[in-house]
């Protein structure tokens, strides 16, 4: 976008000698631009390998400049409709680290409706053999966290899915967990339902 001055000195039709710069806009207008961009790239990615647990995106905006990248990722933290991540062998460490990192204000944004839709954290399960000794305990720790109102993010809507390679395992997974608490029970059955078409996940309640 370009602008030029008319004969009376006011802004007129575009001119190549004065290019438009995103950073010339007020901060609140830039935030509106970033929110609009999230409509085209609604999914933010949380890598289990990133030490700072920042969200990643495929949007080209992050390549404009370091300032634009920081501003866009800050908005993405607050408004990305879907946060997608993978969890291997029920190790939810990256998800928990992300929830612990963000501020209470960010958590509140994560648990409430946005202009787009209800925000969701989509967790895709992967499995690698041999399974670790604490395989079942990983899931138990997650269910324990879900039921604890003192922990950040317990009101976040979590959605679960199985990765495409999960069907490679012919042997059903047998996982022993305690699902006595209603919140833990509900979350566990969300995981169970997600597994039905991929592989059978069995649980033995300790109640």
C-alpha atoms as a PDB file:
ATOM      1  CA  UNK A   1       0.000   0.000   0.000  1.00  0.00           C
ATOM      2  CA  UNK A   2       1.326   3.467  -0.892  1.00  0.00           C
ATOM      3  CA  UNK A   3       0.131   7.039  -0.340  1.00  0.00           C
ATOM      4  CA  UNK A   4       0.894  10.362  -1.981  1.00  0.00           C
ATOM      5  CA  UNK A   5      -0.041  13.952  -1.220  1.00  0.00           C
ATOM      6  CA  UNK A   6      -2.549  15.812  -3.403  1.00  0.00           C
ATOM      7  CA  UNK A   7      -2.035  19.386  -4.577  1.00  0.00           C
ATOM      8  CA  UNK A   8      -3.438  20.744  -1.319  1.00  0.00           C
ATOM      9  CA  UNK A   9      -1.059  18.613   0.783  1.00  0.00           C
ATOM     10  CA  UNK A  10      -3.601  16.032   1.939  1.00  0.00           C
ATOM     11  CA  UNK A  11      -3.225  12.306   1.530  1.00  0.00           C
ATOM     12  CA  UNK A  12      -4.450  11.085  -1.826  1.00  0.00           C
ATOM     13  CA  UNK A  13      -3.884   8.155  -4.161  1.00  0.00           C
ATOM     14  CA  UNK A  14      -1.114   5.629  -3.564  1.00  0.00           C
ATOM     15  CA  UNK A  15       2.428   6.545  -4.554  1.00  0.00           C
ATOM     16  CA  UNK A  16       5.501   4.301  -4.716  1.00  0.00           C
ATOM     17  CA  UNK A  17       7.710   6.791  -2.874  1.00  0.00           C
ATOM     18  CA  UNK A  18       5.954   6.360   0.505  1.00  0.00           C
ATOM     19  CA  UNK A  19       5.378   2.671   1.325  1.00  0.00           C
ATOM     20  CA  UNK A  20       2.950   1.585   3.998  1.00  0.00           C
ATOM     21  CA  UNK A  21       4.547  -0.041   7.062  1.00  0.00           C
ATOM     22  CA  UNK A  22       2.664  -2.250   9.475  1.00  0.00           C
ATOM     23  CA  UNK A  23       4.678  -0.881  12.400  1.00  0.00           C
ATOM     24  CA  UNK A  24       3.510   2.656  11.563  1.00  0.00           C
ATOM     25  CA  UNK A  25       0.038   1.660  12.768  1.00  0.00           C
ATOM     26  CA  UNK A  26      -0.945   2.186  16.427  1.00  0.00           C
ATOM     27  CA  UNK A  27      -0.384  -0.887  18.617  1.00  0.00           C
ATOM     28  CA  UNK A  28      -4.099  -1.507  19.113  1.00  0.00           C
ATOM     29  CA  UNK A  29      -4.678  -1.469  15.346  1.00  0.00           C
ATOM     30  CA  UNK A  30      -1.802  -3.899  14.822  1.00  0.00           C
ATOM     31  CA  UNK A  31      -3.400  -6.198  17.385  1.00  0.00           C
ATOM     32  CA  UNK A  32      -6.590  -6.120  15.305  1.00  0.00           C
ATOM     33  CA  UNK A  33      -4.549  -7.096  12.249  1.00  0.00           C
ATOM     34  CA  UNK A  34      -3.014 -10.018  14.144  1.00  0.00           C
ATOM     35  CA  UNK A  35      -6.392 -11.206  15.387  1.00  0.00           C
ATOM     36  CA  UNK A  36      -7.706 -11.089  11.832  1.00  0.00           C
ATOM     37  CA  UNK A  37      -4.703 -13.108  10.662  1.00  0.00           C
ATOM     38  CA  UNK A  38      -5.633 -15.816  13.169  1.00  0.00           C
ATOM     39  CA  UNK A  39      -8.812 -16.403  11.176  1.00  0.00           C
ATOM     40  CA  UNK A  40      -6.626 -17.707   8.339  1.00  0.00           C
ATOM     41  CA  UNK A  41      -4.153 -19.526  10.623  1.00  0.00           C
ATOM     42  CA  UNK A  42      -6.350 -20.538  13.599  1.00  0.00           C
ATOM     43  CA  UNK A  43      -4.083 -23.291  14.908  1.00  0.00           C
ATOM     44  CA  UNK A  44      -1.129 -22.566  17.158  1.00  0.00           C
ATOM     45  CA  UNK A  45       1.362 -25.348  17.829  1.00  0.00           C
ATOM     46  CA  UNK A  46       2.946 -26.242  21.148  1.00  0.00           C
ATOM     47  CA  UNK A  47       6.112 -28.274  20.717  1.00  0.00           C
ATOM     48  CA  UNK A  48       7.101 -30.704  23.440  1.00  0.00           C
ATOM     49  CA  UNK A  49      10.743 -29.999  22.565  1.00  0.00           C
ATOM     50  CA  UNK A  50      10.765 -26.199  22.994  1.00  0.00           C
ATOM     51  CA  UNK A  51      12.327 -25.312  26.344  1.00  0.00           C
ATOM     52  CA  UNK A  52      10.428 -22.029  26.780  1.00  0.00           C
ATOM     53  CA  UNK A  53       7.145 -23.664  25.678  1.00  0.00           C
ATOM     54  CA  UNK A  54       6.181 -20.815  23.382  1.00  0.00           C
ATOM     55  CA  UNK A  55       3.478 -21.318  20.789  1.00  0.00           C
ATOM     56  CA  UNK A  56       4.511 -21.742  17.162  1.00  0.00           C
ATOM     57  CA  UNK A  57       2.617 -20.855  13.997  1.00  0.00           C
ATOM     58  CA  UNK A  58       2.737 -21.313  10.230  1.00  0.00           C
ATOM     59  CA  UNK A  59       1.746 -17.678   9.649  1.00  0.00           C
ATOM     60  CA  UNK A  60       4.123 -15.636   7.496  1.00  0.00           C
ATOM     61  CA  UNK A  61       3.750 -12.722   9.891  1.00  0.00           C
ATOM     62  CA  UNK A  62       6.411 -14.193  12.156  1.00  0.00           C
ATOM     63  CA  UNK A  63       8.953 -13.637   9.373  1.00  0.00           C
ATOM     64  CA  UNK A  64       8.298  -9.908   8.974  1.00  0.00           C
ATOM     65  CA  UNK A  65      10.471  -8.715  11.854  1.00  0.00           C
ATOM     66  CA  UNK A  66      11.348  -9.631  15.434  1.00  0.00           C
ATOM     67  CA  UNK A  67       8.923  -7.020  16.764  1.00  0.00           C
ATOM     68  CA  UNK A  68       6.035  -8.245  14.624  1.00  0.00           C
ATOM     69  CA  UNK A  69       6.880 -11.827  15.553  1.00  0.00           C
ATOM     70  CA  UNK A  70       6.753 -11.013  19.267  1.00  0.00           C
ATOM     71  CA  UNK A  71       3.537  -9.014  18.964  1.00  0.00           C
ATOM     72  CA  UNK A  72       1.817 -11.675  16.882  1.00  0.00           C
ATOM     73  CA  UNK A  73       2.817 -14.534  19.175  1.00  0.00           C
ATOM     74  CA  UNK A  74       1.605 -12.532  22.188  1.00  0.00           C
ATOM     75  CA  UNK A  75      -1.798 -12.157  20.506  1.00  0.00           C
ATOM     76  CA  UNK A  76      -1.711 -15.802  19.486  1.00  0.00           C
ATOM     77  CA  UNK A  77      -1.216 -16.779  23.144  1.00  0.00           C
ATOM     78  CA  UNK A  78      -4.444 -14.979  23.943  1.00  0.00           C
ATOM     79  CA  UNK A  79      -6.659 -15.604  20.936  1.00  0.00           C
ATOM     80  CA  UNK A  80      -5.583 -18.651  18.888  1.00  0.00           C
ATOM     81  CA  UNK A  81      -8.825 -20.697  18.763  1.00  0.00           C
ATOM     82  CA  UNK A  82      -6.976 -24.029  18.756  1.00  0.00           C
ATOM     83  CA  UNK A  83      -3.703 -24.916  20.448  1.00  0.00           C
ATOM     84  CA  UNK A  84      -2.421 -28.207  19.083  1.00  0.00           C
ATOM     85  CA  UNK A  85       0.240 -30.388  20.627  1.00  0.00           C
ATOM     86  CA  UNK A  86       1.359 -33.988  20.776  1.00  0.00           C
ATOM     87  CA  UNK A  87       1.813 -36.115  23.880  1.00  0.00           C
ATOM     88  CA  UNK A  88       4.010 -39.221  23.748  1.00  0.00           C
ATOM     89  CA  UNK A  89       3.350 -42.145  26.094  1.00  0.00           C
ATOM     90  CA  UNK A  90       0.998 -39.981  28.163  1.00  0.00           C
ATOM     91  CA  UNK A  91       3.803 -37.576  29.101  1.00  0.00           C
ATOM     92  CA  UNK A  92       1.913 -34.283  29.466  1.00  0.00           C
ATOM     93  CA  UNK A  93       5.010 -32.386  30.637  1.00  0.00           C
ATOM     94  CA  UNK A  94       5.014 -29.839  27.789  1.00  0.00           C
ATOM     95  CA  UNK A  95       1.312 -29.044  28.255  1.00  0.00           C
ATOM     96  CA  UNK A  96       1.739 -28.591  31.995  1.00  0.00           C
ATOM     97  CA  UNK A  97       4.848 -26.434  31.505  1.00  0.00           C
ATOM     98  CA  UNK A  98       2.902 -24.199  29.096  1.00  0.00           C
ATOM     99  CA  UNK A  99      -0.029 -23.814  31.494  1.00  0.00           C
ATOM    100  CA  UNK A 100       2.377 -23.007  34.329  1.00  0.00           C
ATOM    101  CA  UNK A 101       4.242 -20.440  32.198  1.00  0.00           C
ATOM    102  CA  UNK A 102       1.386 -18.237  31.107  1.00  0.00           C
ATOM    103  CA  UNK A 103      -0.048 -15.571  33.392  1.00  0.00           C
ATOM    104  CA  UNK A 104      -3.350 -15.817  35.238  1.00  0.00           C
ATOM    105  CA  UNK A 105      -4.808 -13.320  32.746  1.00  0.00           C
ATOM    106  CA  UNK A 106      -3.718 -15.545  29.860  1.00  0.00           C
ATOM    107  CA  UNK A 107      -5.240 -18.571  31.567  1.00  0.00           C
ATOM    108  CA  UNK A 108      -8.531 -16.706  31.881  1.00  0.00           C
ATOM    109  CA  UNK A 109      -8.436 -15.911  28.156  1.00  0.00           C
ATOM    110  CA  UNK A 110      -7.666 -19.556  27.430  1.00  0.00           C
ATOM    111  CA  UNK A 111     -10.721 -20.737  29.329  1.00  0.00           C
ATOM    112  CA  UNK A 112     -13.300 -18.348  27.893  1.00  0.00           C
ATOM    113  CA  UNK A 113     -15.068 -17.943  24.568  1.00  0.00           C
ATOM    114  CA  UNK A 114     -13.467 -15.687  21.968  1.00  0.00           C
ATOM    115  CA  UNK A 115     -15.038 -13.959  18.996  1.00  0.00           C
ATOM    116  CA  UNK A 116     -14.165 -17.016  16.907  1.00  0.00           C
ATOM    117  CA  UNK A 117     -15.209 -19.984  19.062  1.00  0.00           C
ATOM    118  CA  UNK A 118     -14.514 -21.715  22.330  1.00  0.00           C
ATOM    119  CA  UNK A 119     -10.775 -22.100  22.734  1.00  0.00           C
ATOM    120  CA  UNK A 120      -9.549 -25.655  22.732  1.00  0.00           C
ATOM    121  CA  UNK A 121      -6.287 -27.438  23.453  1.00  0.00           C
ATOM    122  CA  UNK A 122      -6.107 -30.366  21.023  1.00  0.00           C
ATOM    123  CA  UNK A 123      -3.854 -33.134  22.327  1.00  0.00           C
ATOM    124  CA  UNK A 124      -2.776 -35.849  19.905  1.00  0.00           C
ATOM    125  CA  UNK A 125      -1.417 -39.037  21.435  1.00  0.00           C
ATOM    126  CA  UNK A 126       1.658 -40.823  20.174  1.00  0.00           C
ATOM    127  CA  UNK A 127       3.130 -44.043  21.530  1.00  0.00           C
ATOM    128  CA  UNK A 128       6.597 -45.509  21.267  1.00  0.00           C
ATOM    129  CA  UNK A 129       7.647 -48.949  22.462  1.00  0.00           C
ATOM    130  CA  UNK A 130       9.050 -50.014  24.799  1.00  0.00           C
ATOM    131  CA  UNK A 131       6.706 -48.148  27.108  1.00  0.00           C
ATOM    132  CA  UNK A 132       8.365 -46.515  30.131  1.00  0.00           C
ATOM    133  CA  UNK A 133       7.968 -47.959  33.601  1.00  0.00           C
ATOM    134  CA  UNK A 134       5.737 -45.067  34.684  1.00  0.00           C
ATOM    135  CA  UNK A 135       3.565 -45.195  31.547  1.00  0.00           C
ATOM    136  CA  UNK A 136       0.324 -45.478  33.529  1.00  0.00           C
ATOM    137  CA  UNK A 137       1.531 -42.998  36.113  1.00  0.00           C
ATOM    138  CA  UNK A 138       1.926 -40.339  33.433  1.00  0.00           C
ATOM    139  CA  UNK A 139      -1.792 -40.509  32.709  1.00  0.00           C
ATOM    140  CA  UNK A 140      -2.608 -40.673  36.414  1.00  0.00           C
ATOM    141  CA  UNK A 141      -0.621 -37.490  37.093  1.00  0.00           C
ATOM    142  CA  UNK A 142      -2.574 -35.725  34.342  1.00  0.00           C
ATOM    143  CA  UNK A 143      -5.914 -36.856  35.745  1.00  0.00           C
ATOM    144  CA  UNK A 144      -4.817 -35.772  39.229  1.00  0.00           C
ATOM    145  CA  UNK A 145      -4.001 -32.329  37.885  1.00  0.00           C
ATOM    146  CA  UNK A 146      -7.345 -32.001  36.126  1.00  0.00           C
ATOM    147  CA  UNK A 147      -9.169 -32.589  39.401  1.00  0.00           C
ATOM    148  CA  UNK A 148      -7.088 -30.066  41.412  1.00  0.00           C
ATOM    149  CA  UNK A 149      -8.735 -26.606  41.400  1.00  0.00           C
ATOM    150  CA  UNK A 150      -5.538 -24.999  42.697  1.00  0.00           C
ATOM    151  CA  UNK A 151      -3.700 -25.776  39.429  1.00  0.00           C
ATOM    152  CA  UNK A 152      -3.630 -23.437  36.449  1.00  0.00           C
ATOM    153  CA  UNK A 153      -5.770 -24.305  33.475  1.00  0.00           C
ATOM    154  CA  UNK A 154      -8.158 -26.769  35.070  1.00  0.00           C
ATOM    155  CA  UNK A 155     -11.037 -25.028  33.236  1.00  0.00           C
ATOM    156  CA  UNK A 156      -9.391 -25.325  29.824  1.00  0.00           C
ATOM    157  CA  UNK A 157     -11.309 -27.382  27.281  1.00  0.00           C
ATOM    158  CA  UNK A 158      -9.101 -30.302  26.251  1.00  0.00           C
ATOM    159  CA  UNK A 159      -9.781 -32.335  23.133  1.00  0.00           C
ATOM    160  CA  UNK A 160      -8.035 -35.641  22.512  1.00  0.00           C
ATOM    161  CA  UNK A 161      -7.160 -37.535  19.354  1.00  0.00           C
ATOM    162  CA  UNK A 162      -4.964 -40.426  18.324  1.00  0.00           C
ATOM    163  CA  UNK A 163      -2.072 -39.868  15.925  1.00  0.00           C
ATOM    164  CA  UNK A 164      -2.300 -41.560  12.533  1.00  0.00           C
ATOM    165  CA  UNK A 165       0.308 -44.196  13.383  1.00  0.00           C
ATOM    166  CA  UNK A 166      -1.463 -45.429  16.518  1.00  0.00           C
ATOM    167  CA  UNK A 167      -3.256 -48.141  14.537  1.00  0.00           C
ATOM    168  CA  UNK A 168       0.110 -49.884  14.064  1.00  0.00           C
ATOM    169  CA  UNK A 169      -0.198 -51.349  17.542  1.00  0.00           C
ATOM    170  CA  UNK A 170      -2.233 -54.529  17.573  1.00  0.00           C
ATOM    171  CA  UNK A 171      -2.041 -55.075  21.325  1.00  0.00           C
ATOM    172  CA  UNK A 172      -4.490 -52.986  23.362  1.00  0.00           C
ATOM    173  CA  UNK A 173      -2.982 -50.647  25.890  1.00  0.00           C
ATOM    174  CA  UNK A 174      -3.761 -51.604  29.456  1.00  0.00           C
ATOM    175  CA  UNK A 175      -3.550 -48.566  31.714  1.00  0.00           C
ATOM    176  CA  UNK A 176      -4.370 -48.681  35.408  1.00  0.00           C
ATOM    177  CA  UNK A 177      -5.686 -45.381  36.737  1.00  0.00           C
ATOM    178  CA  UNK A 178      -7.876 -44.060  39.523  1.00  0.00           C
ATOM    179  CA  UNK A 179     -10.911 -42.276  38.080  1.00  0.00           C
ATOM    180  CA  UNK A 180     -13.027 -41.911  41.221  1.00  0.00           C
ATOM    181  CA  UNK A 181     -13.123 -38.116  41.044  1.00  0.00           C
ATOM    182  CA  UNK A 182     -15.894 -36.884  38.680  1.00  0.00           C
ATOM    183  CA  UNK A 183     -13.585 -34.459  36.857  1.00  0.00           C
ATOM    184  CA  UNK A 184     -10.953 -37.132  36.356  1.00  0.00           C
ATOM    185  CA  UNK A 185     -13.634 -39.580  35.261  1.00  0.00           C
ATOM    186  CA  UNK A 186     -14.977 -37.179  32.627  1.00  0.00           C
ATOM    187  CA  UNK A 187     -11.511 -36.396  31.283  1.00  0.00           C
ATOM    188  CA  UNK A 188     -10.553 -40.058  31.157  1.00  0.00           C
ATOM    189  CA  UNK A 189     -13.628 -41.003  29.149  1.00  0.00           C
ATOM    190  CA  UNK A 190     -12.881 -38.223  26.681  1.00  0.00           C
ATOM    191  CA  UNK A 191      -9.532 -39.944  26.141  1.00  0.00           C
ATOM    192  CA  UNK A 192     -11.237 -43.329  25.969  1.00  0.00           C
ATOM    193  CA  UNK A 193     -13.727 -42.196  23.326  1.00  0.00           C
ATOM    194  CA  UNK A 194     -10.937 -40.721  21.215  1.00  0.00           C
ATOM    195  CA  UNK A 195      -9.198 -44.089  21.172  1.00  0.00           C
ATOM    196  CA  UNK A 196     -12.082 -46.230  19.985  1.00  0.00           C
ATOM    197  CA  UNK A 197     -11.288 -46.178  16.264  1.00  0.00           C
ATOM    198  CA  UNK A 198      -7.526 -46.373  16.722  1.00  0.00           C
ATOM    199  CA  UNK A 199      -6.756 -48.791  19.519  1.00  0.00           C
ATOM    200  CA  UNK A 200      -8.460 -49.994  22.631  1.00  0.00           C
ATOM    201  CA  UNK A 201      -7.484 -48.244  25.848  1.00  0.00           C
ATOM    202  CA  UNK A 202      -8.517 -50.099  29.003  1.00  0.00           C
ATOM    203  CA  UNK A 203      -8.544 -48.778  32.579  1.00  0.00           C
ATOM    204  CA  UNK A 204      -8.915 -50.547  35.899  1.00  0.00           C
ATOM    205  CA  UNK A 205     -10.386 -48.217  38.493  1.00  0.00           C
ATOM    206  CA  UNK A 206      -8.867 -48.350  41.971  1.00  0.00           C
ATOM    207  CA  UNK A 207     -12.194 -47.532  43.601  1.00  0.00           C
END
